[in-house]
């Protein structure tokens, strides 16, 4: 019931290094 928050993508994102999966 509290709803959601809005996070713009804008064509690119930042993730933490350990969260980048291998290619594929």
PDBML (XML) file of the C-alpha atoms, coordinates in Angstrom:
<?xml version="1.0" encoding="UTF-8" ?>
<PDBx:datablock datablockName="MODEL"
   xmlns:PDBx="http://pdbml.pdb.org/schema/pdbx-v50.xsd"
   xmlns:xsi="http://www.w3.org/2001/XMLSchema-instance"
   xsi:schemaLocation="http://pdbml.pdb.org/schema/pdbx-v50.xsd pdbx-v50.xsd">
   <PDBx:atom_siteCategory>
      <PDBx:atom_site id="1">
         <PDBx:B_iso_or_equiv>0.00</PDBx:B_iso_or_equiv>
         <PDBx:Cartn_x>0.000</PDBx:Cartn_x>
         <PDBx:Cartn_y>0.000</PDBx:Cartn_y>
         <PDBx:Cartn_z>0.000</PDBx:Cartn_z>
         <PDBx:auth_asym_id>A</PDBx:auth_asym_id>
         <PDBx:auth_atom_id>CA</PDBx:auth_atom_id>
         <PDBx:auth_comp_id>UNK</PDBx:auth_comp_id>
         <PDBx:auth_seq_id>1</PDBx:auth_seq_id>
         <PDBx:group_PDB>ATOM</PDBx:group_PDB>
         <PDBx:label_alt_id xsi:nil="true" />
         <PDBx:label_asym_id>A</PDBx:label_asym_id>
         <PDBx:label_atom_id>CA</PDBx:label_atom_id>
         <PDBx:label_comp_id>UNK</PDBx:label_comp_id>
         <PDBx:label_entity_id>1</PDBx:label_entity_id>
         <PDBx:label_seq_id>1</PDBx:label_seq_id>
         <PDBx:occupancy>1.00</PDBx:occupancy>
         <PDBx:pdbx_PDB_model_num>1</PDBx:pdbx_PDB_model_num>
         <PDBx:type_symbol>C</PDBx:type_symbol>
      </PDBx:atom_site>
      <PDBx:atom_site id="2">
         <PDBx:B_iso_or_equiv>0.00</PDBx:B_iso_or_equiv>
         <PDBx:Cartn_x>2.993</PDBx:Cartn_x>
         <PDBx:Cartn_y>2.338</PDBx:Cartn_y>
         <PDBx:Cartn_z>0.325</PDBx:Cartn_z>
         <PDBx:auth_asym_id>A</PDBx:auth_asym_id>
         <PDBx:auth_atom_id>CA</PDBx:auth_atom_id>
         <PDBx:auth_comp_id>UNK</PDBx:auth_comp_id>
         <PDBx:auth_seq_id>2</PDBx:auth_seq_id>
         <PDBx:group_PDB>ATOM</PDBx:group_PDB>
         <PDBx:label_alt_id xsi:nil="true" />
         <PDBx:label_asym_id>A</PDBx:label_asym_id>
         <PDBx:label_atom_id>CA</PDBx:label_atom_id>
         <PDBx:label_comp_id>UNK</PDBx:label_comp_id>
         <PDBx:label_entity_id>1</PDBx:label_entity_id>
         <PDBx:label_seq_id>2</PDBx:label_seq_id>
         <PDBx:occupancy>1.00</PDBx:occupancy>
         <PDBx:pdbx_PDB_model_num>1</PDBx:pdbx_PDB_model_num>
         <PDBx:type_symbol>C</PDBx:type_symbol>
      </PDBx:atom_site>
      <PDBx:atom_site id="3">
         <PDBx:B_iso_or_equiv>0.00</PDBx:B_iso_or_equiv>
         <PDBx:Cartn_x>3.501</PDBx:Cartn_x>
         <PDBx:Cartn_y>2.109</PDBx:Cartn_y>
         <PDBx:Cartn_z>-3.404</PDBx:Cartn_z>
         <PDBx:auth_asym_id>A</PDBx:auth_asym_id>
         <PDBx:auth_atom_id>CA</PDBx:auth_atom_id>
         <PDBx:auth_comp_id>UNK</PDBx:auth_comp_id>
         <PDBx:auth_seq_id>3</PDBx:auth_seq_id>
         <PDBx:group_PDB>ATOM</PDBx:group_PDB>
         <PDBx:label_alt_id xsi:nil="true" />
         <PDBx:label_asym_id>A</PDBx:label_asym_id>
         <PDBx:label_atom_id>CA</PDBx:label_atom_id>
         <PDBx:label_comp_id>UNK</PDBx:label_comp_id>
         <PDBx:label_entity_id>1</PDBx:label_entity_id>
         <PDBx:label_seq_id>3</PDBx:label_seq_id>
         <PDBx:occupancy>1.00</PDBx:occupancy>
         <PDBx:pdbx_PDB_model_num>1</PDBx:pdbx_PDB_model_num>
         <PDBx:type_symbol>C</PDBx:type_symbol>
      </PDBx:atom_site>
      <PDBx:atom_site id="4">
         <PDBx:B_iso_or_equiv>0.00</PDBx:B_iso_or_equiv>
         <PDBx:Cartn_x>6.681</PDBx:Cartn_x>
         <PDBx:Cartn_y>2.176</PDBx:Cartn_y>
         <PDBx:Cartn_z>-5.430</PDBx:Cartn_z>
         <PDBx:auth_asym_id>A</PDBx:auth_asym_id>
         <PDBx:auth_atom_id>CA</PDBx:auth_atom_id>
         <PDBx:auth_comp_id>UNK</PDBx:auth_comp_id>
         <PDBx:auth_seq_id>4</PDBx:auth_seq_id>
         <PDBx:group_PDB>ATOM</PDBx:group_PDB>
         <PDBx:label_alt_id xsi:nil="true" />
         <PDBx:label_asym_id>A</PDBx:label_asym_id>
         <PDBx:label_atom_id>CA</PDBx:label_atom_id>
         <PDBx:label_comp_id>UNK</PDBx:label_comp_id>
         <PDBx:label_entity_id>1</PDBx:label_entity_id>
         <PDBx:label_seq_id>4</PDBx:label_seq_id>
         <PDBx:occupancy>1.00</PDBx:occupancy>
         <PDBx:pdbx_PDB_model_num>1</PDBx:pdbx_PDB_model_num>
         <PDBx:type_symbol>C</PDBx:type_symbol>
      </PDBx:atom_site>
      <PDBx:atom_site id="5">
         <PDBx:B_iso_or_equiv>0.00</PDBx:B_iso_or_equiv>
         <PDBx:Cartn_x>9.528</PDBx:Cartn_x>
         <PDBx:Cartn_y>4.596</PDBx:Cartn_y>
         <PDBx:Cartn_z>-6.066</PDBx:Cartn_z>
         <PDBx:auth_asym_id>A</PDBx:auth_asym_id>
         <PDBx:auth_atom_id>CA</PDBx:auth_atom_id>
         <PDBx:auth_comp_id>UNK</PDBx:auth_comp_id>
         <PDBx:auth_seq_id>5</PDBx:auth_seq_id>
         <PDBx:group_PDB>ATOM</PDBx:group_PDB>
         <PDBx:label_alt_id xsi:nil="true" />
         <PDBx:label_asym_id>A</PDBx:label_asym_id>
         <PDBx:label_atom_id>CA</PDBx:label_atom_id>
         <PDBx:label_comp_id>UNK</PDBx:label_comp_id>
         <PDBx:label_entity_id>1</PDBx:label_entity_id>
         <PDBx:label_seq_id>5</PDBx:label_seq_id>
         <PDBx:occupancy>1.00</PDBx:occupancy>
         <PDBx:pdbx_PDB_model_num>1</PDBx:pdbx_PDB_model_num>
         <PDBx:type_symbol>C</PDBx:type_symbol>
      </PDBx:atom_site>
      <PDBx:atom_site id="6">
         <PDBx:B_iso_or_equiv>0.00</PDBx:B_iso_or_equiv>
         <PDBx:Cartn_x>10.616</PDBx:Cartn_x>
         <PDBx:Cartn_y>5.804</PDBx:Cartn_y>
         <PDBx:Cartn_z>-9.514</PDBx:Cartn_z>
         <PDBx:auth_asym_id>A</PDBx:auth_asym_id>
         <PDBx:auth_atom_id>CA</PDBx:auth_atom_id>
         <PDBx:auth_comp_id>UNK</PDBx:auth_comp_id>
         <PDBx:auth_seq_id>6</PDBx:auth_seq_id>
         <PDBx:group_PDB>ATOM</PDBx:group_PDB>
         <PDBx:label_alt_id xsi:nil="true" />
         <PDBx:label_asym_id>A</PDBx:label_asym_id>
         <PDBx:label_atom_id>CA</PDBx:label_atom_id>
         <PDBx:label_comp_id>UNK</PDBx:label_comp_id>
         <PDBx:label_entity_id>1</PDBx:label_entity_id>
         <PDBx:label_seq_id>6</PDBx:label_seq_id>
         <PDBx:occupancy>1.00</PDBx:occupancy>
         <PDBx:pdbx_PDB_model_num>1</PDBx:pdbx_PDB_model_num>
         <PDBx:type_symbol>C</PDBx:type_symbol>
      </PDBx:atom_site>
      <PDBx:atom_site id="7">
         <PDBx:B_iso_or_equiv>0.00</PDBx:B_iso_or_equiv>
         <PDBx:Cartn_x>14.228</PDBx:Cartn_x>
         <PDBx:Cartn_y>5.357</PDBx:Cartn_y>
         <PDBx:Cartn_z>-10.600</PDBx:Cartn_z>
         <PDBx:auth_asym_id>A</PDBx:auth_asym_id>
         <PDBx:auth_atom_id>CA</PDBx:auth_atom_id>
         <PDBx:auth_comp_id>UNK</PDBx:auth_comp_id>
         <PDBx:auth_seq_id>7</PDBx:auth_seq_id>
         <PDBx:group_PDB>ATOM</PDBx:group_PDB>
         <PDBx:label_alt_id xsi:nil="true" />
         <PDBx:label_asym_id>A</PDBx:label_asym_id>
         <PDBx:label_atom_id>CA</PDBx:label_atom_id>
         <PDBx:label_comp_id>UNK</PDBx:label_comp_id>
         <PDBx:label_entity_id>1</PDBx:label_entity_id>
         <PDBx:label_seq_id>7</PDBx:label_seq_id>
         <PDBx:occupancy>1.00</PDBx:occupancy>
         <PDBx:pdbx_PDB_model_num>1</PDBx:pdbx_PDB_model_num>
         <PDBx:type_symbol>C</PDBx:type_symbol>
      </PDBx:atom_site>
      <PDBx:atom_site id="8">
         <PDBx:B_iso_or_equiv>0.00</PDBx:B_iso_or_equiv>
         <PDBx:Cartn_x>15.015</PDBx:Cartn_x>
         <PDBx:Cartn_y>6.795</PDBx:Cartn_y>
         <PDBx:Cartn_z>-14.059</PDBx:Cartn_z>
         <PDBx:auth_asym_id>A</PDBx:auth_asym_id>
         <PDBx:auth_atom_id>CA</PDBx:auth_atom_id>
         <PDBx:auth_comp_id>UNK</PDBx:auth_comp_id>
         <PDBx:auth_seq_id>8</PDBx:auth_seq_id>
         <PDBx:group_PDB>ATOM</PDBx:group_PDB>
         <PDBx:label_alt_id xsi:nil="true" />
         <PDBx:label_asym_id>A</PDBx:label_asym_id>
         <PDBx:label_atom_id>CA</PDBx:label_atom_id>
         <PDBx:label_comp_id>UNK</PDBx:label_comp_id>
         <PDBx:label_entity_id>1</PDBx:label_entity_id>
         <PDBx:label_seq_id>8</PDBx:label_seq_id>
         <PDBx:occupancy>1.00</PDBx:occupancy>
         <PDBx:pdbx_PDB_model_num>1</PDBx:pdbx_PDB_model_num>
         <PDBx:type_symbol>C</PDBx:type_symbol>
      </PDBx:atom_site>
      <PDBx:atom_site id="9">
         <PDBx:B_iso_or_equiv>0.00</PDBx:B_iso_or_equiv>
         <PDBx:Cartn_x>17.187</PDBx:Cartn_x>
         <PDBx:Cartn_y>4.653</PDBx:Cartn_y>
         <PDBx:Cartn_z>-16.309</PDBx:Cartn_z>
         <PDBx:auth_asym_id>A</PDBx:auth_asym_id>
         <PDBx:auth_atom_id>CA</PDBx:auth_atom_id>
         <PDBx:auth_comp_id>UNK</PDBx:auth_comp_id>
         <PDBx:auth_seq_id>9</PDBx:auth_seq_id>
         <PDBx:group_PDB>ATOM</PDBx:group_PDB>
         <PDBx:label_alt_id xsi:nil="true" />
         <PDBx:label_asym_id>A</PDBx:label_asym_id>
         <PDBx:label_atom_id>CA</PDBx:label_atom_id>
         <PDBx:label_comp_id>UNK</PDBx:label_comp_id>
         <PDBx:label_entity_id>1</PDBx:label_entity_id>
         <PDBx:label_seq_id>9</PDBx:label_seq_id>
         <PDBx:occupancy>1.00</PDBx:occupancy>
         <PDBx:pdbx_PDB_model_num>1</PDBx:pdbx_PDB_model_num>
         <PDBx:type_symbol>C</PDBx:type_symbol>
      </PDBx:atom_site>
      <PDBx:atom_site id="10">
         <PDBx:B_iso_or_equiv>0.00</PDBx:B_iso_or_equiv>
         <PDBx:Cartn_x>18.235</PDBx:Cartn_x>
         <PDBx:Cartn_y>7.307</PDBx:Cartn_y>
         <PDBx:Cartn_z>-18.803</PDBx:Cartn_z>
         <PDBx:auth_asym_id>A</PDBx:auth_asym_id>
         <PDBx:auth_atom_id>CA</PDBx:auth_atom_id>
         <PDBx:auth_comp_id>UNK</PDBx:auth_comp_id>
         <PDBx:auth_seq_id>10</PDBx:auth_seq_id>
         <PDBx:group_PDB>ATOM</PDBx:group_PDB>
         <PDBx:label_alt_id xsi:nil="true" />
         <PDBx:label_asym_id>A</PDBx:label_asym_id>
         <PDBx:label_atom_id>CA</PDBx:label_atom_id>
         <PDBx:label_comp_id>UNK</PDBx:label_comp_id>
         <PDBx:label_entity_id>1</PDBx:label_entity_id>
         <PDBx:label_seq_id>10</PDBx:label_seq_id>
         <PDBx:occupancy>1.00</PDBx:occupancy>
         <PDBx:pdbx_PDB_model_num>1</PDBx:pdbx_PDB_model_num>
         <PDBx:type_symbol>C</PDBx:type_symbol>
      </PDBx:atom_site>
      <PDBx:atom_site id="11">
         <PDBx:B_iso_or_equiv>0.00</PDBx:B_iso_or_equiv>
         <PDBx:Cartn_x>19.921</PDBx:Cartn_x>
         <PDBx:Cartn_y>4.871</PDBx:Cartn_y>
         <PDBx:Cartn_z>-21.154</PDBx:Cartn_z>
         <PDBx:auth_asym_id>A</PDBx:auth_asym_id>
         <PDBx:auth_atom_id>CA</PDBx:auth_atom_id>
         <PDBx:auth_comp_id>UNK</PDBx:auth_comp_id>
         <PDBx:auth_seq_id>11</PDBx:auth_seq_id>
         <PDBx:group_PDB>ATOM</PDBx:group_PDB>
         <PDBx:label_alt_id xsi:nil="true" />
         <PDBx:label_asym_id>A</PDBx:label_asym_id>
         <PDBx:label_atom_id>CA</PDBx:label_atom_id>
         <PDBx:label_comp_id>UNK</PDBx:label_comp_id>
         <PDBx:label_entity_id>1</PDBx:label_entity_id>
         <PDBx:label_seq_id>11</PDBx:label_seq_id>
         <PDBx:occupancy>1.00</PDBx:occupancy>
         <PDBx:pdbx_PDB_model_num>1</PDBx:pdbx_PDB_model_num>
         <PDBx:type_symbol>C</PDBx:type_symbol>
      </PDBx:atom_site>
      <PDBx:atom_site id="12">
         <PDBx:B_iso_or_equiv>0.00</PDBx:B_iso_or_equiv>
         <PDBx:Cartn_x>22.540</PDBx:Cartn_x>
         <PDBx:Cartn_y>3.554</PDBx:Cartn_y>
         <PDBx:Cartn_z>-18.710</PDBx:Cartn_z>
         <PDBx:auth_asym_id>A</PDBx:auth_asym_id>
         <PDBx:auth_atom_id>CA</PDBx:auth_atom_id>
         <PDBx:auth_comp_id>UNK</PDBx:auth_comp_id>
         <PDBx:auth_seq_id>12</PDBx:auth_seq_id>
         <PDBx:group_PDB>ATOM</PDBx:group_PDB>
         <PDBx:label_alt_id xsi:nil="true" />
         <PDBx:label_asym_id>A</PDBx:label_asym_id>
         <PDBx:label_atom_id>CA</PDBx:label_atom_id>
         <PDBx:label_comp_id>UNK</PDBx:label_comp_id>
         <PDBx:label_entity_id>1</PDBx:label_entity_id>
         <PDBx:label_seq_id>12</PDBx:label_seq_id>
         <PDBx:occupancy>1.00</PDBx:occupancy>
         <PDBx:pdbx_PDB_model_num>1</PDBx:pdbx_PDB_model_num>
         <PDBx:type_symbol>C</PDBx:type_symbol>
      </PDBx:atom_site>
      <PDBx:atom_site id="13">
         <PDBx:B_iso_or_equiv>0.00</PDBx:B_iso_or_equiv>
         <PDBx:Cartn_x>22.800</PDBx:Cartn_x>
         <PDBx:Cartn_y>2.285</PDBx:Cartn_y>
         <PDBx:Cartn_z>-15.124</PDBx:Cartn_z>
         <PDBx:auth_asym_id>A</PDBx:auth_asym_id>
         <PDBx:auth_atom_id>CA</PDBx:auth_atom_id>
         <PDBx:auth_comp_id>UNK</PDBx:auth_comp_id>
         <PDBx:auth_seq_id>13</PDBx:auth_seq_id>
         <PDBx:group_PDB>ATOM</PDBx:group_PDB>
         <PDBx:label_alt_id xsi:nil="true" />
         <PDBx:label_asym_id>A</PDBx:label_asym_id>
         <PDBx:label_atom_id>CA</PDBx:label_atom_id>
         <PDBx:label_comp_id>UNK</PDBx:label_comp_id>
         <PDBx:label_entity_id>1</PDBx:label_entity_id>
         <PDBx:label_seq_id>13</PDBx:label_seq_id>
         <PDBx:occupancy>1.00</PDBx:occupancy>
         <PDBx:pdbx_PDB_model_num>1</PDBx:pdbx_PDB_model_num>
         <PDBx:type_symbol>C</PDBx:type_symbol>
      </PDBx:atom_site>
      <PDBx:atom_site id="14">
         <PDBx:B_iso_or_equiv>0.00</PDBx:B_iso_or_equiv>
         <PDBx:Cartn_x>25.385</PDBx:Cartn_x>
         <PDBx:Cartn_y>1.900</PDBx:Cartn_y>
         <PDBx:Cartn_z>-12.397</PDBx:Cartn_z>
         <PDBx:auth_asym_id>A</PDBx:auth_asym_id>
         <PDBx:auth_atom_id>CA</PDBx:auth_atom_id>
         <PDBx:auth_comp_id>UNK</PDBx:auth_comp_id>
         <PDBx:auth_seq_id>14</PDBx:auth_seq_id>
         <PDBx:group_PDB>ATOM</PDBx:group_PDB>
         <PDBx:label_alt_id xsi:nil="true" />
         <PDBx:label_asym_id>A</PDBx:label_asym_id>
         <PDBx:label_atom_id>CA</PDBx:label_atom_id>
         <PDBx:label_comp_id>UNK</PDBx:label_comp_id>
         <PDBx:label_entity_id>1</PDBx:label_entity_id>
         <PDBx:label_seq_id>14</PDBx:label_seq_id>
         <PDBx:occupancy>1.00</PDBx:occupancy>
         <PDBx:pdbx_PDB_model_num>1</PDBx:pdbx_PDB_model_num>
         <PDBx:type_symbol>C</PDBx:type_symbol>
      </PDBx:atom_site>
      <PDBx:atom_site id="15">
         <PDBx:B_iso_or_equiv>0.00</PDBx:B_iso_or_equiv>
         <PDBx:Cartn_x>25.790</PDBx:Cartn_x>
         <PDBx:Cartn_y>-1.401</PDBx:Cartn_y>
         <PDBx:Cartn_z>-10.575</PDBx:Cartn_z>
         <PDBx:auth_asym_id>A</PDBx:auth_asym_id>
         <PDBx:auth_atom_id>CA</PDBx:auth_atom_id>
         <PDBx:auth_comp_id>UNK</PDBx:auth_comp_id>
         <PDBx:auth_seq_id>15</PDBx:auth_seq_id>
         <PDBx:group_PDB>ATOM</PDBx:group_PDB>
         <PDBx:label_alt_id xsi:nil="true" />
         <PDBx:label_asym_id>A</PDBx:label_asym_id>
         <PDBx:label_atom_id>CA</PDBx:label_atom_id>
         <PDBx:label_comp_id>UNK</PDBx:label_comp_id>
         <PDBx:label_entity_id>1</PDBx:label_entity_id>
         <PDBx:label_seq_id>15</PDBx:label_seq_id>
         <PDBx:occupancy>1.00</PDBx:occupancy>
         <PDBx:pdbx_PDB_model_num>1</PDBx:pdbx_PDB_model_num>
         <PDBx:type_symbol>C</PDBx:type_symbol>
      </PDBx:atom_site>
      <PDBx:atom_site id="16">
         <PDBx:B_iso_or_equiv>0.00</PDBx:B_iso_or_equiv>
         <PDBx:Cartn_x>28.363</PDBx:Cartn_x>
         <PDBx:Cartn_y>-2.603</PDBx:Cartn_y>
         <PDBx:Cartn_z>-8.075</PDBx:Cartn_z>
         <PDBx:auth_asym_id>A</PDBx:auth_asym_id>
         <PDBx:auth_atom_id>CA</PDBx:auth_atom_id>
         <PDBx:auth_comp_id>UNK</PDBx:auth_comp_id>
         <PDBx:auth_seq_id>16</PDBx:auth_seq_id>
         <PDBx:group_PDB>ATOM</PDBx:group_PDB>
         <PDBx:label_alt_id xsi:nil="true" />
         <PDBx:label_asym_id>A</PDBx:label_asym_id>
         <PDBx:label_atom_id>CA</PDBx:label_atom_id>
         <PDBx:label_comp_id>UNK</PDBx:label_comp_id>
         <PDBx:label_entity_id>1</PDBx:label_entity_id>
         <PDBx:label_seq_id>16</PDBx:label_seq_id>
         <PDBx:occupancy>1.00</PDBx:occupancy>
         <PDBx:pdbx_PDB_model_num>1</PDBx:pdbx_PDB_model_num>
         <PDBx:type_symbol>C</PDBx:type_symbol>
      </PDBx:atom_site>
      <PDBx:atom_site id="17">
         <PDBx:B_iso_or_equiv>0.00</PDBx:B_iso_or_equiv>
         <PDBx:Cartn_x>31.393</PDBx:Cartn_x>
         <PDBx:Cartn_y>-4.383</PDBx:Cartn_y>
         <PDBx:Cartn_z>-9.584</PDBx:Cartn_z>
         <PDBx:auth_asym_id>A</PDBx:auth_asym_id>
         <PDBx:auth_atom_id>CA</PDBx:auth_atom_id>
         <PDBx:auth_comp_id>UNK</PDBx:auth_comp_id>
         <PDBx:auth_seq_id>17</PDBx:auth_seq_id>
         <PDBx:group_PDB>ATOM</PDBx:group_PDB>
         <PDBx:label_alt_id xsi:nil="true" />
         <PDBx:label_asym_id>A</PDBx:label_asym_id>
         <PDBx:label_atom_id>CA</PDBx:label_atom_id>
         <PDBx:label_comp_id>UNK</PDBx:label_comp_id>
         <PDBx:label_entity_id>1</PDBx:label_entity_id>
         <PDBx:label_seq_id>17</PDBx:label_seq_id>
         <PDBx:occupancy>1.00</PDBx:occupancy>
         <PDBx:pdbx_PDB_model_num>1</PDBx:pdbx_PDB_model_num>
         <PDBx:type_symbol>C</PDBx:type_symbol>
      </PDBx:atom_site>
      <PDBx:atom_site id="18">
         <PDBx:B_iso_or_equiv>0.00</PDBx:B_iso_or_equiv>
         <PDBx:Cartn_x>30.575</PDBx:Cartn_x>
         <PDBx:Cartn_y>-7.779</PDBx:Cartn_y>
         <PDBx:Cartn_z>-8.036</PDBx:Cartn_z>
         <PDBx:auth_asym_id>A</PDBx:auth_asym_id>
         <PDBx:auth_atom_id>CA</PDBx:auth_atom_id>
         <PDBx:auth_comp_id>UNK</PDBx:auth_comp_id>
         <PDBx:auth_seq_id>18</PDBx:auth_seq_id>
         <PDBx:group_PDB>ATOM</PDBx:group_PDB>
         <PDBx:label_alt_id xsi:nil="true" />
         <PDBx:label_asym_id>A</PDBx:label_asym_id>
         <PDBx:label_atom_id>CA</PDBx:label_atom_id>
         <PDBx:label_comp_id>UNK</PDBx:label_comp_id>
         <PDBx:label_entity_id>1</PDBx:label_entity_id>
         <PDBx:label_seq_id>18</PDBx:label_seq_id>
         <PDBx:occupancy>1.00</PDBx:occupancy>
         <PDBx:pdbx_PDB_model_num>1</PDBx:pdbx_PDB_model_num>
         <PDBx:type_symbol>C</PDBx:type_symbol>
      </PDBx:atom_site>
      <PDBx:atom_site id="19">
         <PDBx:B_iso_or_equiv>0.00</PDBx:B_iso_or_equiv>
         <PDBx:Cartn_x>27.081</PDBx:Cartn_x>
         <PDBx:Cartn_y>-7.611</PDBx:Cartn_y>
         <PDBx:Cartn_z>-9.516</PDBx:Cartn_z>
         <PDBx:auth_asym_id>A</PDBx:auth_asym_id>
         <PDBx:auth_atom_id>CA</PDBx:auth_atom_id>
         <PDBx:auth_comp_id>UNK</PDBx:auth_comp_id>
         <PDBx:auth_seq_id>19</PDBx:auth_seq_id>
         <PDBx:group_PDB>ATOM</PDBx:group_PDB>
         <PDBx:label_alt_id xsi:nil="true" />
         <PDBx:label_asym_id>A</PDBx:label_asym_id>
         <PDBx:label_atom_id>CA</PDBx:label_atom_id>
         <PDBx:label_comp_id>UNK</PDBx:label_comp_id>
         <PDBx:label_entity_id>1</PDBx:label_entity_id>
         <PDBx:label_seq_id>19</PDBx:label_seq_id>
         <PDBx:occupancy>1.00</PDBx:occupancy>
         <PDBx:pdbx_PDB_model_num>1</PDBx:pdbx_PDB_model_num>
         <PDBx:type_symbol>C</PDBx:type_symbol>
      </PDBx:atom_site>
      <PDBx:atom_site id="20">
         <PDBx:B_iso_or_equiv>0.00</PDBx:B_iso_or_equiv>
         <PDBx:Cartn_x>28.222</PDBx:Cartn_x>
         <PDBx:Cartn_y>-7.447</PDBx:Cartn_y>
         <PDBx:Cartn_z>-13.157</PDBx:Cartn_z>
         <PDBx:auth_asym_id>A</PDBx:auth_asym_id>
         <PDBx:auth_atom_id>CA</PDBx:auth_atom_id>
         <PDBx:auth_comp_id>UNK</PDBx:auth_comp_id>
         <PDBx:auth_seq_id>20</PDBx:auth_seq_id>
         <PDBx:group_PDB>ATOM</PDBx:group_PDB>
         <PDBx:label_alt_id xsi:nil="true" />
         <PDBx:label_asym_id>A</PDBx:label_asym_id>
         <PDBx:label_atom_id>CA</PDBx:label_atom_id>
         <PDBx:label_comp_id>UNK</PDBx:label_comp_id>
         <PDBx:label_entity_id>1</PDBx:label_entity_id>
         <PDBx:label_seq_id>20</PDBx:label_seq_id>
         <PDBx:occupancy>1.00</PDBx:occupancy>
         <PDBx:pdbx_PDB_model_num>1</PDBx:pdbx_PDB_model_num>
         <PDBx:type_symbol>C</PDBx:type_symbol>
      </PDBx:atom_site>
      <PDBx:atom_site id="21">
         <PDBx:B_iso_or_equiv>0.00</PDBx:B_iso_or_equiv>
         <PDBx:Cartn_x>27.568</PDBx:Cartn_x>
         <PDBx:Cartn_y>-10.934</PDBx:Cartn_y>
         <PDBx:Cartn_z>-14.557</PDBx:Cartn_z>
         <PDBx:auth_asym_id>A</PDBx:auth_asym_id>
         <PDBx:auth_atom_id>CA</PDBx:auth_atom_id>
         <PDBx:auth_comp_id>UNK</PDBx:auth_comp_id>
         <PDBx:auth_seq_id>21</PDBx:auth_seq_id>
         <PDBx:group_PDB>ATOM</PDBx:group_PDB>
         <PDBx:label_alt_id xsi:nil="true" />
         <PDBx:label_asym_id>A</PDBx:label_asym_id>
         <PDBx:label_atom_id>CA</PDBx:label_atom_id>
         <PDBx:label_comp_id>UNK</PDBx:label_comp_id>
         <PDBx:label_entity_id>1</PDBx:label_entity_id>
         <PDBx:label_seq_id>21</PDBx:label_seq_id>
         <PDBx:occupancy>1.00</PDBx:occupancy>
         <PDBx:pdbx_PDB_model_num>1</PDBx:pdbx_PDB_model_num>
         <PDBx:type_symbol>C</PDBx:type_symbol>
      </PDBx:atom_site>
      <PDBx:atom_site id="22">
         <PDBx:B_iso_or_equiv>0.00</PDBx:B_iso_or_equiv>
         <PDBx:Cartn_x>29.905</PDBx:Cartn_x>
         <PDBx:Cartn_y>-12.640</PDBx:Cartn_y>
         <PDBx:Cartn_z>-17.031</PDBx:Cartn_z>
         <PDBx:auth_asym_id>A</PDBx:auth_asym_id>
         <PDBx:auth_atom_id>CA</PDBx:auth_atom_id>
         <PDBx:auth_comp_id>UNK</PDBx:auth_comp_id>
         <PDBx:auth_seq_id>22</PDBx:auth_seq_id>
         <PDBx:group_PDB>ATOM</PDBx:group_PDB>
         <PDBx:label_alt_id xsi:nil="true" />
         <PDBx:label_asym_id>A</PDBx:label_asym_id>
         <PDBx:label_atom_id>CA</PDBx:label_atom_id>
         <PDBx:label_comp_id>UNK</PDBx:label_comp_id>
         <PDBx:label_entity_id>1</PDBx:label_entity_id>
         <PDBx:label_seq_id>22</PDBx:label_seq_id>
         <PDBx:occupancy>1.00</PDBx:occupancy>
         <PDBx:pdbx_PDB_model_num>1</PDBx:pdbx_PDB_model_num>
         <PDBx:type_symbol>C</PDBx:type_symbol>
      </PDBx:atom_site>
      <PDBx:atom_site id="23">
         <PDBx:B_iso_or_equiv>0.00</PDBx:B_iso_or_equiv>
         <PDBx:Cartn_x>29.146</PDBx:Cartn_x>
         <PDBx:Cartn_y>-12.041</PDBx:Cartn_y>
         <PDBx:Cartn_z>-20.684</PDBx:Cartn_z>
         <PDBx:auth_asym_id>A</PDBx:auth_asym_id>
         <PDBx:auth_atom_id>CA</PDBx:auth_atom_id>
         <PDBx:auth_comp_id>UNK</PDBx:auth_comp_id>
         <PDBx:auth_seq_id>23</PDBx:auth_seq_id>
         <PDBx:group_PDB>ATOM</PDBx:group_PDB>
         <PDBx:label_alt_id xsi:nil="true" />
         <PDBx:label_asym_id>A</PDBx:label_asym_id>
         <PDBx:label_atom_id>CA</PDBx:label_atom_id>
         <PDBx:label_comp_id>UNK</PDBx:label_comp_id>
         <PDBx:label_entity_id>1</PDBx:label_entity_id>
         <PDBx:label_seq_id>23</PDBx:label_seq_id>
         <PDBx:occupancy>1.00</PDBx:occupancy>
         <PDBx:pdbx_PDB_model_num>1</PDBx:pdbx_PDB_model_num>
         <PDBx:type_symbol>C</PDBx:type_symbol>
      </PDBx:atom_site>
      <PDBx:atom_site id="24">
         <PDBx:B_iso_or_equiv>0.00</PDBx:B_iso_or_equiv>
         <PDBx:Cartn_x>26.084</PDBx:Cartn_x>
         <PDBx:Cartn_y>-13.946</PDBx:Cartn_y>
         <PDBx:Cartn_z>-21.735</PDBx:Cartn_z>
         <PDBx:auth_asym_id>A</PDBx:auth_asym_id>
         <PDBx:auth_atom_id>CA</PDBx:auth_atom_id>
         <PDBx:auth_comp_id>UNK</PDBx:auth_comp_id>
         <PDBx:auth_seq_id>24</PDBx:auth_seq_id>
         <PDBx:group_PDB>ATOM</PDBx:group_PDB>
         <PDBx:label_alt_id xsi:nil="true" />
         <PDBx:label_asym_id>A</PDBx:label_asym_id>
         <PDBx:label_atom_id>CA</PDBx:label_atom_id>
         <PDBx:label_comp_id>UNK</PDBx:label_comp_id>
         <PDBx:label_entity_id>1</PDBx:label_entity_id>
         <PDBx:label_seq_id>24</PDBx:label_seq_id>
         <PDBx:occupancy>1.00</PDBx:occupancy>
         <PDBx:pdbx_PDB_model_num>1</PDBx:pdbx_PDB_model_num>
         <PDBx:type_symbol>C</PDBx:type_symbol>
      </PDBx:atom_site>
   </PDBx:atom_siteCategory>
</PDBx:datablock>
